[in-house]
Amino acid sequence: MASSTRIPKAELTGIYGAVVKRMARKMFGEVPEPLGVVWHNRKVLNFSFSIGRKMQKWDQCDENLKSFAHMAVASMVGCSFCLDLGYFNAHNQGLDVAKAREVPRWRESDVFTPLEREVMEYAEAMTLTPPAVTDELSAGLLKALGPAALVELTSFIALANFMTRSNTAMGIESQEFSAACDLKPLAVPSTA
């Protein structure tokens, strides 16, 4: 796929660049475009790595729910990179790929449980400007998930907004990671 980034990609150089490229290829099969863009500012790159590693240790909220929430944010913001990567990660992490595929059309799809729908509604409500989270929506999730999981989910969605909005603003688009795994294309909402 041809690059369309608004900030030109930099070449990852030096020992650190070699390590980053090797790890990226091991994880994704290729170097994700955001790495080349963010390479221009190593402090931002290292912050992103640090946050990602710390988020992987969070364990109070179900991974499928967090995956669906992130993809709902990506779909709403229009981050094709995050949608594709989320689908790819769901496949590689043994999450529910059939449901992940349906996230872009979650309101129409019949594959989601009421809790999963509530999580995606919450993710979208947090993504709106200004946020549109209601007391009722929060109360329902608090009852279903408990306070620790809801705090984790909320923070996860906030960071998903950081990632999706950054990628979209920098013009970073899908690298078709999911196609490389022979996954079906993501579902799209019907127009009617």
N, C-alpha and C. Protein backbone atom coordinates (compact mmCIF):
# COMPACT_ATOMS: atom_id res chain seq x y z
N MET A 1 0.84 -1.18 0.00
CA MET A 1 0.00 0.00 0.00
C MET A 1 0.89 1.24 0.00
N ALA A 2 0.60 2.20 -0.84
CA ALA A 2 1.40 3.42 -0.93
C ALA A 2 1.20 4.29 0.30
N SER A 3 2.26 4.92 0.72
CA SER A 3 2.22 5.76 1.91
C SER A 3 1.45 7.04 1.63
N SER A 4 0.65 7.45 2.57
CA SER A 4 -0.10 8.69 2.45
C SER A 4 0.04 9.53 3.72
N THR A 5 1.10 9.29 4.47
CA THR A 5 1.26 9.99 5.74
C THR A 5 1.50 11.48 5.51
N ARG A 6 1.00 12.28 6.42
CA ARG A 6 1.18 13.73 6.34
C ARG A 6 2.55 14.16 6.85
N ILE A 7 3.15 13.32 7.65
CA ILE A 7 4.51 13.53 8.12
C ILE A 7 5.33 12.42 7.48
N PRO A 8 6.36 12.75 6.73
CA PRO A 8 7.10 11.69 6.04
C PRO A 8 7.72 10.71 7.02
N LYS A 9 7.75 9.46 6.60
CA LYS A 9 8.37 8.43 7.44
C LYS A 9 9.88 8.65 7.46
N ALA A 10 10.47 8.44 8.62
CA ALA A 10 11.92 8.49 8.76
C ALA A 10 12.45 7.07 8.70
N GLU A 11 13.69 6.93 8.31
CA GLU A 11 14.32 5.62 8.32
C GLU A 11 14.76 5.31 9.75
N LEU A 12 14.40 4.14 10.23
CA LEU A 12 14.80 3.71 11.56
C LEU A 12 16.26 3.31 11.49
N THR A 13 17.12 4.07 12.14
CA THR A 13 18.56 3.88 12.02
C THR A 13 19.19 3.55 13.37
N GLY A 14 20.45 3.14 13.30
CA GLY A 14 21.21 2.85 14.50
C GLY A 14 20.81 1.53 15.14
N ILE A 15 21.44 1.28 16.26
CA ILE A 15 21.17 0.03 16.98
C ILE A 15 19.73 -0.02 17.45
N TYR A 16 19.24 1.10 18.00
CA TYR A 16 17.87 1.15 18.48
C TYR A 16 16.89 0.91 17.32
N GLY A 17 17.16 1.54 16.18
CA GLY A 17 16.31 1.34 15.01
C GLY A 17 16.29 -0.10 14.56
N ALA A 18 17.46 -0.77 14.59
CA ALA A 18 17.54 -2.18 14.20
C ALA A 18 16.73 -3.05 15.15
N VAL A 19 16.80 -2.75 16.43
CA VAL A 19 16.04 -3.52 17.43
C VAL A 19 14.54 -3.31 17.22
N VAL A 20 14.14 -2.06 17.02
CA VAL A 20 12.72 -1.75 16.81
C VAL A 20 12.21 -2.45 15.56
N LYS A 21 12.96 -2.40 14.47
CA LYS A 21 12.54 -3.07 13.23
C LYS A 21 12.43 -4.58 13.43
N ARG A 22 13.39 -5.17 14.12
CA ARG A 22 13.37 -6.62 14.33
C ARG A 22 12.14 -7.02 15.15
N MET A 23 11.88 -6.29 16.22
CA MET A 23 10.72 -6.61 17.06
C MET A 23 9.41 -6.40 16.28
N ALA A 24 9.35 -5.33 15.49
CA ALA A 24 8.14 -5.05 14.72
C ALA A 24 7.88 -6.15 13.71
N ARG A 25 8.93 -6.58 13.02
CA ARG A 25 8.76 -7.65 12.03
C ARG A 25 8.34 -8.96 12.69
N LYS A 26 8.87 -9.20 13.89
CA LYS A 26 8.51 -10.41 14.62
C LYS A 26 7.03 -10.38 15.01
N MET A 27 6.55 -9.21 15.41
CA MET A 27 5.16 -9.07 15.86
C MET A 27 4.16 -8.97 14.71
N PHE A 28 4.56 -8.24 13.64
CA PHE A 28 3.59 -7.91 12.60
C PHE A 28 3.95 -8.41 11.21
N GLY A 29 5.16 -8.92 11.04
CA GLY A 29 5.59 -9.37 9.73
C GLY A 29 6.23 -8.26 8.91
N GLU A 30 6.04 -7.03 9.31
CA GLU A 30 6.63 -5.87 8.67
C GLU A 30 6.68 -4.73 9.67
N VAL A 31 7.31 -3.65 9.29
CA VAL A 31 7.41 -2.49 10.19
C VAL A 31 6.17 -1.62 10.00
N PRO A 32 5.36 -1.45 11.03
CA PRO A 32 4.17 -0.60 10.90
C PRO A 32 4.55 0.85 10.58
N GLU A 33 3.77 1.45 9.72
CA GLU A 33 4.02 2.81 9.26
C GLU A 33 4.14 3.82 10.40
N PRO A 34 3.33 3.73 11.47
CA PRO A 34 3.46 4.72 12.54
C PRO A 34 4.86 4.78 13.14
N LEU A 35 5.59 3.67 13.14
CA LEU A 35 6.94 3.69 13.71
C LEU A 35 7.84 4.65 12.94
N GLY A 36 7.75 4.63 11.62
CA GLY A 36 8.57 5.54 10.81
C GLY A 36 8.19 6.99 11.01
N VAL A 37 6.89 7.23 11.18
CA VAL A 37 6.43 8.61 11.39
C VAL A 37 6.87 9.11 12.77
N VAL A 38 6.64 8.32 13.80
CA VAL A 38 6.93 8.76 15.16
C VAL A 38 8.43 8.70 15.46
N TRP A 39 9.20 8.03 14.61
CA TRP A 39 10.65 7.95 14.79
C TRP A 39 11.28 9.35 14.84
N HIS A 40 10.60 10.33 14.26
CA HIS A 40 11.09 11.71 14.28
C HIS A 40 11.22 12.26 15.70
N ASN A 41 10.45 11.71 16.63
CA ASN A 41 10.48 12.19 18.02
C ASN A 41 10.55 10.96 18.94
N ARG A 42 11.74 10.60 19.33
CA ARG A 42 11.95 9.37 20.11
C ARG A 42 11.26 9.41 21.47
N LYS A 43 11.11 10.60 22.05
CA LYS A 43 10.42 10.66 23.35
C LYS A 43 8.96 10.26 23.19
N VAL A 44 8.34 10.69 22.12
CA VAL A 44 6.95 10.31 21.86
C VAL A 44 6.89 8.81 21.54
N LEU A 45 7.83 8.32 20.73
CA LEU A 45 7.89 6.90 20.41
C LEU A 45 8.03 6.06 21.68
N ASN A 46 8.96 6.44 22.54
CA ASN A 46 9.19 5.69 23.78
C ASN A 46 7.98 5.76 24.71
N PHE A 47 7.31 6.90 24.73
CA PHE A 47 6.08 7.03 25.52
C PHE A 47 5.05 6.03 25.01
N SER A 48 4.89 5.96 23.69
CA SER A 48 3.92 5.03 23.10
C SER A 48 4.26 3.59 23.44
N PHE A 49 5.54 3.25 23.33
CA PHE A 49 5.97 1.89 23.69
C PHE A 49 5.68 1.60 25.16
N SER A 50 6.02 2.56 26.01
CA SER A 50 5.83 2.38 27.46
C SER A 50 4.36 2.18 27.81
N ILE A 51 3.51 3.03 27.25
CA ILE A 51 2.08 2.91 27.50
C ILE A 51 1.56 1.56 27.00
N GLY A 52 1.99 1.17 25.81
CA GLY A 52 1.55 -0.12 25.24
C GLY A 52 1.93 -1.28 26.13
N ARG A 53 3.17 -1.28 26.62
CA ARG A 53 3.62 -2.37 27.50
C ARG A 53 2.83 -2.39 28.80
N LYS A 54 2.60 -1.22 29.35
CA LYS A 54 1.84 -1.15 30.61
C LYS A 54 0.39 -1.58 30.42
N MET A 55 -0.20 -1.19 29.29
CA MET A 55 -1.59 -1.58 29.02
C MET A 55 -1.72 -3.10 28.88
N GLN A 56 -0.70 -3.75 28.36
CA GLN A 56 -0.75 -5.21 28.20
C GLN A 56 -0.81 -5.93 29.55
N LYS A 57 -0.40 -5.26 30.61
CA LYS A 57 -0.43 -5.87 31.94
C LYS A 57 -1.77 -5.68 32.65
N TRP A 58 -2.61 -4.82 32.11
CA TRP A 58 -3.91 -4.61 32.72
C TRP A 58 -4.74 -5.89 32.57
N ASP A 59 -5.37 -6.31 33.67
CA ASP A 59 -6.05 -7.61 33.64
C ASP A 59 -7.40 -7.64 34.36
N GLN A 60 -8.01 -6.49 34.55
CA GLN A 60 -9.28 -6.47 35.26
C GLN A 60 -10.49 -6.50 34.33
N CYS A 61 -10.26 -6.23 33.05
CA CYS A 61 -11.36 -6.19 32.09
C CYS A 61 -11.08 -7.21 30.99
N ASP A 62 -12.09 -7.88 30.55
CA ASP A 62 -12.00 -8.90 29.52
C ASP A 62 -11.33 -8.34 28.26
N GLU A 63 -10.39 -9.09 27.70
CA GLU A 63 -9.65 -8.66 26.51
C GLU A 63 -10.55 -8.48 25.29
N ASN A 64 -11.55 -9.34 25.13
CA ASN A 64 -12.47 -9.16 24.01
C ASN A 64 -13.21 -7.83 24.13
N LEU A 65 -13.66 -7.49 25.33
CA LEU A 65 -14.38 -6.23 25.51
C LEU A 65 -13.48 -5.05 25.17
N LYS A 66 -12.23 -5.09 25.62
CA LYS A 66 -11.31 -3.99 25.31
C LYS A 66 -11.03 -3.92 23.81
N SER A 67 -10.89 -5.08 23.18
CA SER A 67 -10.65 -5.11 21.74
C SER A 67 -11.83 -4.50 20.98
N PHE A 68 -13.05 -4.89 21.35
CA PHE A 68 -14.23 -4.35 20.69
C PHE A 68 -14.33 -2.84 20.92
N ALA A 69 -14.02 -2.40 22.14
CA ALA A 69 -14.07 -0.96 22.46
C ALA A 69 -13.09 -0.18 21.59
N HIS A 70 -11.84 -0.68 21.50
CA HIS A 70 -10.83 0.01 20.69
C HIS A 70 -11.27 0.07 19.23
N MET A 71 -11.77 -1.03 18.72
CA MET A 71 -12.20 -1.04 17.32
C MET A 71 -13.42 -0.15 17.09
N ALA A 72 -14.31 -0.04 18.09
CA ALA A 72 -15.45 0.86 17.97
C ALA A 72 -14.98 2.31 17.89
N VAL A 73 -13.99 2.65 18.71
CA VAL A 73 -13.40 3.99 18.65
C VAL A 73 -12.78 4.22 17.28
N ALA A 74 -11.99 3.26 16.82
CA ALA A 74 -11.31 3.38 15.52
C ALA A 74 -12.32 3.55 14.39
N SER A 75 -13.40 2.80 14.45
CA SER A 75 -14.43 2.89 13.42
C SER A 75 -15.07 4.27 13.43
N MET A 76 -15.36 4.77 14.62
CA MET A 76 -16.01 6.08 14.74
C MET A 76 -15.08 7.21 14.29
N VAL A 77 -13.81 7.13 14.67
CA VAL A 77 -12.84 8.18 14.33
C VAL A 77 -12.41 8.06 12.86
N GLY A 78 -12.47 6.85 12.32
CA GLY A 78 -12.06 6.63 10.94
C GLY A 78 -10.61 6.22 10.81
N CYS A 79 -10.07 5.54 11.83
CA CYS A 79 -8.69 5.09 11.80
C CYS A 79 -8.62 3.68 11.21
N SER A 80 -8.38 3.61 9.91
CA SER A 80 -8.32 2.30 9.24
C SER A 80 -7.13 1.49 9.73
N PHE A 81 -6.05 2.16 10.14
CA PHE A 81 -4.88 1.45 10.67
C PHE A 81 -5.27 0.71 11.95
N CYS A 82 -5.93 1.39 12.88
CA CYS A 82 -6.30 0.76 14.16
C CYS A 82 -7.36 -0.32 13.97
N LEU A 83 -8.29 -0.12 13.05
CA LEU A 83 -9.29 -1.16 12.79
C LEU A 83 -8.62 -2.42 12.27
N ASP A 84 -7.75 -2.26 11.29
CA ASP A 84 -7.04 -3.39 10.72
C ASP A 84 -6.15 -4.07 11.75
N LEU A 85 -5.40 -3.27 12.50
CA LEU A 85 -4.50 -3.83 13.51
C LEU A 85 -5.30 -4.51 14.62
N GLY A 86 -6.44 -3.94 15.00
CA GLY A 86 -7.28 -4.56 16.01
C GLY A 86 -7.79 -5.92 15.58
N TYR A 87 -8.18 -6.03 14.34
CA TYR A 87 -8.66 -7.29 13.77
C TYR A 87 -7.52 -8.30 13.72
N PHE A 88 -6.35 -7.86 13.26
CA PHE A 88 -5.14 -8.69 13.20
C PHE A 88 -4.76 -9.18 14.60
N ASN A 89 -4.79 -8.26 15.58
CA ASN A 89 -4.44 -8.63 16.96
C ASN A 89 -5.45 -9.60 17.55
N ALA A 90 -6.73 -9.40 17.26
CA ALA A 90 -7.75 -10.33 17.75
C ALA A 90 -7.43 -11.74 17.25
N HIS A 91 -7.07 -11.85 16.00
CA HIS A 91 -6.69 -13.14 15.41
C HIS A 91 -5.48 -13.73 16.12
N ASN A 92 -4.45 -12.93 16.30
CA ASN A 92 -3.19 -13.42 16.89
C ASN A 92 -3.27 -13.67 18.39
N GLN A 93 -4.22 -13.05 19.06
CA GLN A 93 -4.35 -13.22 20.51
C GLN A 93 -5.43 -14.23 20.88
N GLY A 94 -6.01 -14.87 19.88
CA GLY A 94 -7.03 -15.88 20.16
C GLY A 94 -8.34 -15.29 20.65
N LEU A 95 -8.62 -14.05 20.29
CA LEU A 95 -9.88 -13.43 20.68
C LEU A 95 -10.96 -13.81 19.67
N ASP A 96 -12.16 -13.34 19.88
CA ASP A 96 -13.28 -13.69 19.03
C ASP A 96 -13.21 -12.91 17.72
N VAL A 97 -12.62 -13.52 16.70
CA VAL A 97 -12.40 -12.86 15.41
C VAL A 97 -13.73 -12.62 14.69
N ALA A 98 -14.67 -13.54 14.81
CA ALA A 98 -15.96 -13.37 14.14
C ALA A 98 -16.65 -12.10 14.63
N LYS A 99 -16.56 -11.85 15.93
CA LYS A 99 -17.17 -10.64 16.47
C LYS A 99 -16.32 -9.42 16.14
N ALA A 100 -15.00 -9.53 16.23
CA ALA A 100 -14.13 -8.39 15.90
C ALA A 100 -14.40 -7.91 14.48
N ARG A 101 -14.62 -8.84 13.58
CA ARG A 101 -14.91 -8.49 12.18
C ARG A 101 -16.16 -7.64 12.07
N GLU A 102 -17.11 -7.83 12.97
CA GLU A 102 -18.40 -7.15 12.91
C GLU A 102 -18.43 -5.81 13.63
N VAL A 103 -17.38 -5.43 14.32
CA VAL A 103 -17.41 -4.20 15.12
C VAL A 103 -17.81 -2.97 14.30
N PRO A 104 -17.32 -2.77 13.08
CA PRO A 104 -17.73 -1.56 12.36
C PRO A 104 -19.24 -1.45 12.14
N ARG A 105 -19.94 -2.56 12.24
CA ARG A 105 -21.40 -2.52 12.08
C ARG A 105 -22.10 -3.14 13.31
N TRP A 106 -21.54 -2.85 14.47
CA TRP A 106 -22.01 -3.51 15.68
C TRP A 106 -23.48 -3.22 15.97
N ARG A 107 -23.99 -2.07 15.63
CA ARG A 107 -25.39 -1.75 15.91
C ARG A 107 -26.34 -2.62 15.07
N GLU A 108 -25.92 -3.02 13.88
CA GLU A 108 -26.75 -3.84 12.98
C GLU A 108 -26.55 -5.33 13.20
N SER A 109 -25.36 -5.71 13.64
CA SER A 109 -25.00 -7.12 13.73
C SER A 109 -25.72 -7.81 14.88
N ASP A 110 -26.00 -9.08 14.71
CA ASP A 110 -26.68 -9.84 15.76
C ASP A 110 -25.72 -10.76 16.52
N VAL A 111 -24.41 -10.57 16.36
CA VAL A 111 -23.46 -11.47 17.01
C VAL A 111 -23.06 -11.04 18.43
N PHE A 112 -23.40 -9.82 18.83
CA PHE A 112 -22.91 -9.30 20.11
C PHE A 112 -23.91 -9.49 21.24
N THR A 113 -23.37 -9.71 22.43
CA THR A 113 -24.19 -9.81 23.63
C THR A 113 -24.61 -8.40 24.06
N PRO A 114 -25.61 -8.29 24.93
CA PRO A 114 -25.99 -6.97 25.43
C PRO A 114 -24.80 -6.24 26.11
N LEU A 115 -23.97 -6.95 26.85
CA LEU A 115 -22.82 -6.32 27.50
C LEU A 115 -21.83 -5.79 26.46
N GLU A 116 -21.55 -6.57 25.44
CA GLU A 116 -20.63 -6.13 24.39
C GLU A 116 -21.15 -4.88 23.69
N ARG A 117 -22.46 -4.85 23.46
CA ARG A 117 -23.08 -3.67 22.84
C ARG A 117 -22.95 -2.45 23.76
N GLU A 118 -23.15 -2.69 25.05
CA GLU A 118 -23.04 -1.60 26.01
C GLU A 118 -21.61 -1.04 26.04
N VAL A 119 -20.63 -1.92 25.96
CA VAL A 119 -19.22 -1.50 25.95
C VAL A 119 -18.93 -0.65 24.72
N MET A 120 -19.41 -1.07 23.56
CA MET A 120 -19.16 -0.30 22.34
C MET A 120 -19.92 1.03 22.34
N GLU A 121 -21.12 1.02 22.92
CA GLU A 121 -21.86 2.27 23.08
C GLU A 121 -21.09 3.23 23.99
N TYR A 122 -20.53 2.70 25.06
CA TYR A 122 -19.72 3.49 25.99
C TYR A 122 -18.48 4.05 25.29
N ALA A 123 -17.82 3.21 24.48
CA ALA A 123 -16.63 3.65 23.75
C ALA A 123 -16.99 4.81 22.81
N GLU A 124 -18.10 4.68 22.11
CA GLU A 124 -18.52 5.75 21.20
C GLU A 124 -18.91 7.00 21.98
N ALA A 125 -19.61 6.82 23.10
CA ALA A 125 -20.01 7.98 23.90
C ALA A 125 -18.79 8.73 24.44
N MET A 126 -17.75 7.99 24.81
CA MET A 126 -16.52 8.64 25.27
C MET A 126 -15.80 9.35 24.14
N THR A 127 -15.98 8.88 22.91
CA THR A 127 -15.26 9.41 21.75
C THR A 127 -15.88 10.69 21.21
N LEU A 128 -17.16 10.88 21.45
CA LEU A 128 -17.82 12.10 20.99
C LEU A 128 -17.21 13.33 21.65
N THR A 129 -17.33 14.45 20.97
CA THR A 129 -16.89 15.72 21.54
C THR A 129 -18.10 16.64 21.61
N PRO A 130 -18.52 17.04 22.81
CA PRO A 130 -18.03 16.56 24.11
C PRO A 130 -18.50 15.14 24.37
N PRO A 131 -17.83 14.46 25.30
CA PRO A 131 -18.25 13.09 25.63
C PRO A 131 -19.73 13.04 26.02
N ALA A 132 -20.38 11.95 25.66
CA ALA A 132 -21.82 11.81 25.90
C ALA A 132 -22.13 10.63 26.80
N VAL A 133 -21.23 10.30 27.71
CA VAL A 133 -21.45 9.20 28.64
C VAL A 133 -22.55 9.61 29.61
N THR A 134 -23.52 8.73 29.78
CA THR A 134 -24.63 9.02 30.70
C THR A 134 -24.44 8.27 32.01
N ASP A 135 -25.13 8.75 33.04
CA ASP A 135 -25.11 8.05 34.33
C ASP A 135 -25.65 6.64 34.19
N GLU A 136 -26.68 6.47 33.36
CA GLU A 136 -27.30 5.17 33.18
C GLU A 136 -26.33 4.18 32.51
N LEU A 137 -25.63 4.64 31.50
CA LEU A 137 -24.68 3.78 30.80
C LEU A 137 -23.55 3.37 31.74
N SER A 138 -23.03 4.33 32.49
CA SER A 138 -21.97 4.02 33.46
C SER A 138 -22.46 3.08 34.54
N ALA A 139 -23.66 3.30 35.04
CA ALA A 139 -24.21 2.45 36.10
C ALA A 139 -24.38 1.01 35.62
N GLY A 140 -24.86 0.85 34.39
CA GLY A 140 -25.04 -0.50 33.84
C GLY A 140 -23.71 -1.23 33.72
N LEU A 141 -22.68 -0.53 33.23
CA LEU A 141 -21.37 -1.15 33.10
C LEU A 141 -20.73 -1.41 34.46
N LEU A 142 -20.95 -0.50 35.40
CA LEU A 142 -20.41 -0.70 36.75
C LEU A 142 -21.01 -1.95 37.38
N LYS A 143 -22.30 -2.14 37.19
CA LYS A 143 -22.96 -3.32 37.73
C LYS A 143 -22.45 -4.59 37.05
N ALA A 144 -22.28 -4.55 35.74
CA ALA A 144 -21.86 -5.74 34.99
C ALA A 144 -20.38 -6.06 35.15
N LEU A 145 -19.54 -5.04 35.24
CA LEU A 145 -18.09 -5.26 35.24
C LEU A 145 -17.42 -5.10 36.59
N GLY A 146 -17.98 -4.24 37.43
CA GLY A 146 -17.33 -3.90 38.69
C GLY A 146 -16.43 -2.68 38.50
N PRO A 147 -16.08 -2.03 39.61
CA PRO A 147 -15.32 -0.78 39.50
C PRO A 147 -13.93 -0.92 38.88
N ALA A 148 -13.19 -1.95 39.23
CA ALA A 148 -11.83 -2.10 38.70
C ALA A 148 -11.85 -2.26 37.18
N ALA A 149 -12.73 -3.09 36.68
CA ALA A 149 -12.81 -3.31 35.23
C ALA A 149 -13.32 -2.07 34.50
N LEU A 150 -14.25 -1.34 35.11
CA LEU A 150 -14.76 -0.14 34.46
C LEU A 150 -13.69 0.96 34.40
N VAL A 151 -12.91 1.09 35.46
CA VAL A 151 -11.79 2.05 35.42
C VAL A 151 -10.83 1.66 34.31
N GLU A 152 -10.50 0.37 34.21
CA GLU A 152 -9.59 -0.10 33.17
C GLU A 152 -10.17 0.14 31.78
N LEU A 153 -11.42 -0.22 31.58
CA LEU A 153 -12.07 -0.02 30.28
C LEU A 153 -12.07 1.46 29.91
N THR A 154 -12.41 2.32 30.84
CA THR A 154 -12.45 3.76 30.58
C THR A 154 -11.08 4.29 30.18
N SER A 155 -10.06 3.89 30.90
CA SER A 155 -8.70 4.32 30.57
C SER A 155 -8.25 3.75 29.23
N PHE A 156 -8.62 2.52 28.97
CA PHE A 156 -8.28 1.88 27.70
C PHE A 156 -8.91 2.63 26.53
N ILE A 157 -10.17 3.01 26.68
CA ILE A 157 -10.87 3.76 25.63
C ILE A 157 -10.24 5.13 25.45
N ALA A 158 -9.86 5.78 26.53
CA ALA A 158 -9.21 7.09 26.42
C ALA A 158 -7.90 6.97 25.64
N LEU A 159 -7.13 5.94 25.92
CA LEU A 159 -5.87 5.73 25.19
C LEU A 159 -6.13 5.30 23.74
N ALA A 160 -7.21 4.58 23.50
CA ALA A 160 -7.58 4.24 22.12
C ALA A 160 -7.87 5.51 21.33
N ASN A 161 -8.50 6.48 21.99
CA ASN A 161 -8.74 7.78 21.34
C ASN A 161 -7.43 8.48 21.02
N PHE A 162 -6.48 8.43 21.93
CA PHE A 162 -5.16 9.01 21.70
C PHE A 162 -4.53 8.39 20.45
N MET A 163 -4.55 7.06 20.37
CA MET A 163 -3.91 6.36 19.26
C MET A 163 -4.64 6.59 17.94
N THR A 164 -5.96 6.45 17.94
CA THR A 164 -6.71 6.58 16.70
C THR A 164 -6.66 8.00 16.17
N ARG A 165 -6.78 8.95 17.06
CA ARG A 165 -6.78 10.35 16.61
C ARG A 165 -5.39 10.77 16.13
N SER A 166 -4.36 10.28 16.79
CA SER A 166 -2.99 10.58 16.34
C SER A 166 -2.75 10.00 14.95
N ASN A 167 -3.08 8.73 14.77
CA ASN A 167 -2.87 8.09 13.47
C ASN A 167 -3.66 8.78 12.37
N THR A 168 -4.90 9.11 12.64
CA THR A 168 -5.74 9.75 11.64
C THR A 168 -5.19 11.13 11.28
N ALA A 169 -4.79 11.90 12.28
CA ALA A 169 -4.26 13.24 12.02
C ALA A 169 -2.96 13.18 11.22
N MET A 170 -2.15 12.14 11.45
CA MET A 170 -0.89 12.00 10.72
C MET A 170 -1.05 11.31 9.37
N GLY A 171 -2.28 10.93 9.02
CA GLY A 171 -2.54 10.31 7.73
C GLY A 171 -2.10 8.86 7.63
N ILE A 172 -2.01 8.20 8.76
CA ILE A 172 -1.60 6.79 8.78
C ILE A 172 -2.82 5.92 8.50
N GLU A 173 -2.70 5.06 7.50
CA GLU A 173 -3.82 4.22 7.08
C GLU A 173 -3.47 2.74 7.20
N SER A 174 -4.46 1.92 6.99
CA SER A 174 -4.31 0.46 7.09
C SER A 174 -3.14 -0.04 6.27
N GLN A 175 -2.41 -1.00 6.84
CA GLN A 175 -1.36 -1.70 6.11
C GLN A 175 -1.81 -3.11 5.74
N GLU A 176 -3.08 -3.39 5.94
CA GLU A 176 -3.69 -4.66 5.57
C GLU A 176 -3.03 -5.85 6.26
N PHE A 177 -2.75 -5.68 7.56
CA PHE A 177 -2.20 -6.79 8.34
C PHE A 177 -3.17 -7.96 8.35
N SER A 178 -4.47 -7.68 8.48
CA SER A 178 -5.45 -8.77 8.56
C SER A 178 -5.52 -9.55 7.25
N ALA A 179 -5.33 -8.89 6.13
CA ALA A 179 -5.33 -9.59 4.84
C ALA A 179 -4.16 -10.57 4.76
N ALA A 180 -3.05 -10.21 5.38
CA ALA A 180 -1.88 -11.08 5.39
C ALA A 180 -2.16 -12.37 6.16
N CYS A 181 -3.15 -12.36 7.05
CA CYS A 181 -3.54 -13.55 7.81
C CYS A 181 -4.69 -14.29 7.14
N ASP A 182 -5.07 -13.85 5.95
CA ASP A 182 -6.20 -14.43 5.22
C ASP A 182 -7.51 -14.30 5.99
N LEU A 183 -7.64 -13.21 6.77
CA LEU A 183 -8.91 -12.96 7.44
C LEU A 183 -9.89 -12.35 6.44
N LYS A 184 -11.17 -12.64 6.62
CA LYS A 184 -12.19 -12.02 5.78
C LYS A 184 -12.10 -10.50 5.97
N PRO A 185 -12.48 -9.73 4.97
CA PRO A 185 -12.49 -8.27 5.15
C PRO A 185 -13.43 -7.87 6.28
N LEU A 186 -13.12 -6.75 6.92
CA LEU A 186 -13.99 -6.24 7.97
C LEU A 186 -15.38 -5.96 7.40
N ALA A 187 -16.38 -6.21 8.20
CA ALA A 187 -17.75 -5.90 7.79
C ALA A 187 -17.90 -4.39 7.73
N VAL A 188 -18.79 -3.93 6.87
CA VAL A 188 -19.07 -2.50 6.78
C VAL A 188 -20.55 -2.28 7.06
N PRO A 189 -20.86 -1.14 7.67
CA PRO A 189 -22.27 -0.85 7.94
C PRO A 189 -23.05 -0.76 6.63
N SER A 190 -24.32 -1.19 6.67
CA SER A 190 -25.14 -1.03 5.46
C SER A 190 -25.50 0.43 5.31
N THR A 191 -25.73 0.84 4.11
CA THR A 191 -26.02 2.24 3.82
C THR A 191 -27.47 2.59 4.03
N ALA A 192 -28.32 1.61 4.11
CA ALA A 192 -29.75 1.89 4.24
C ALA A 192 -30.16 1.93 5.69
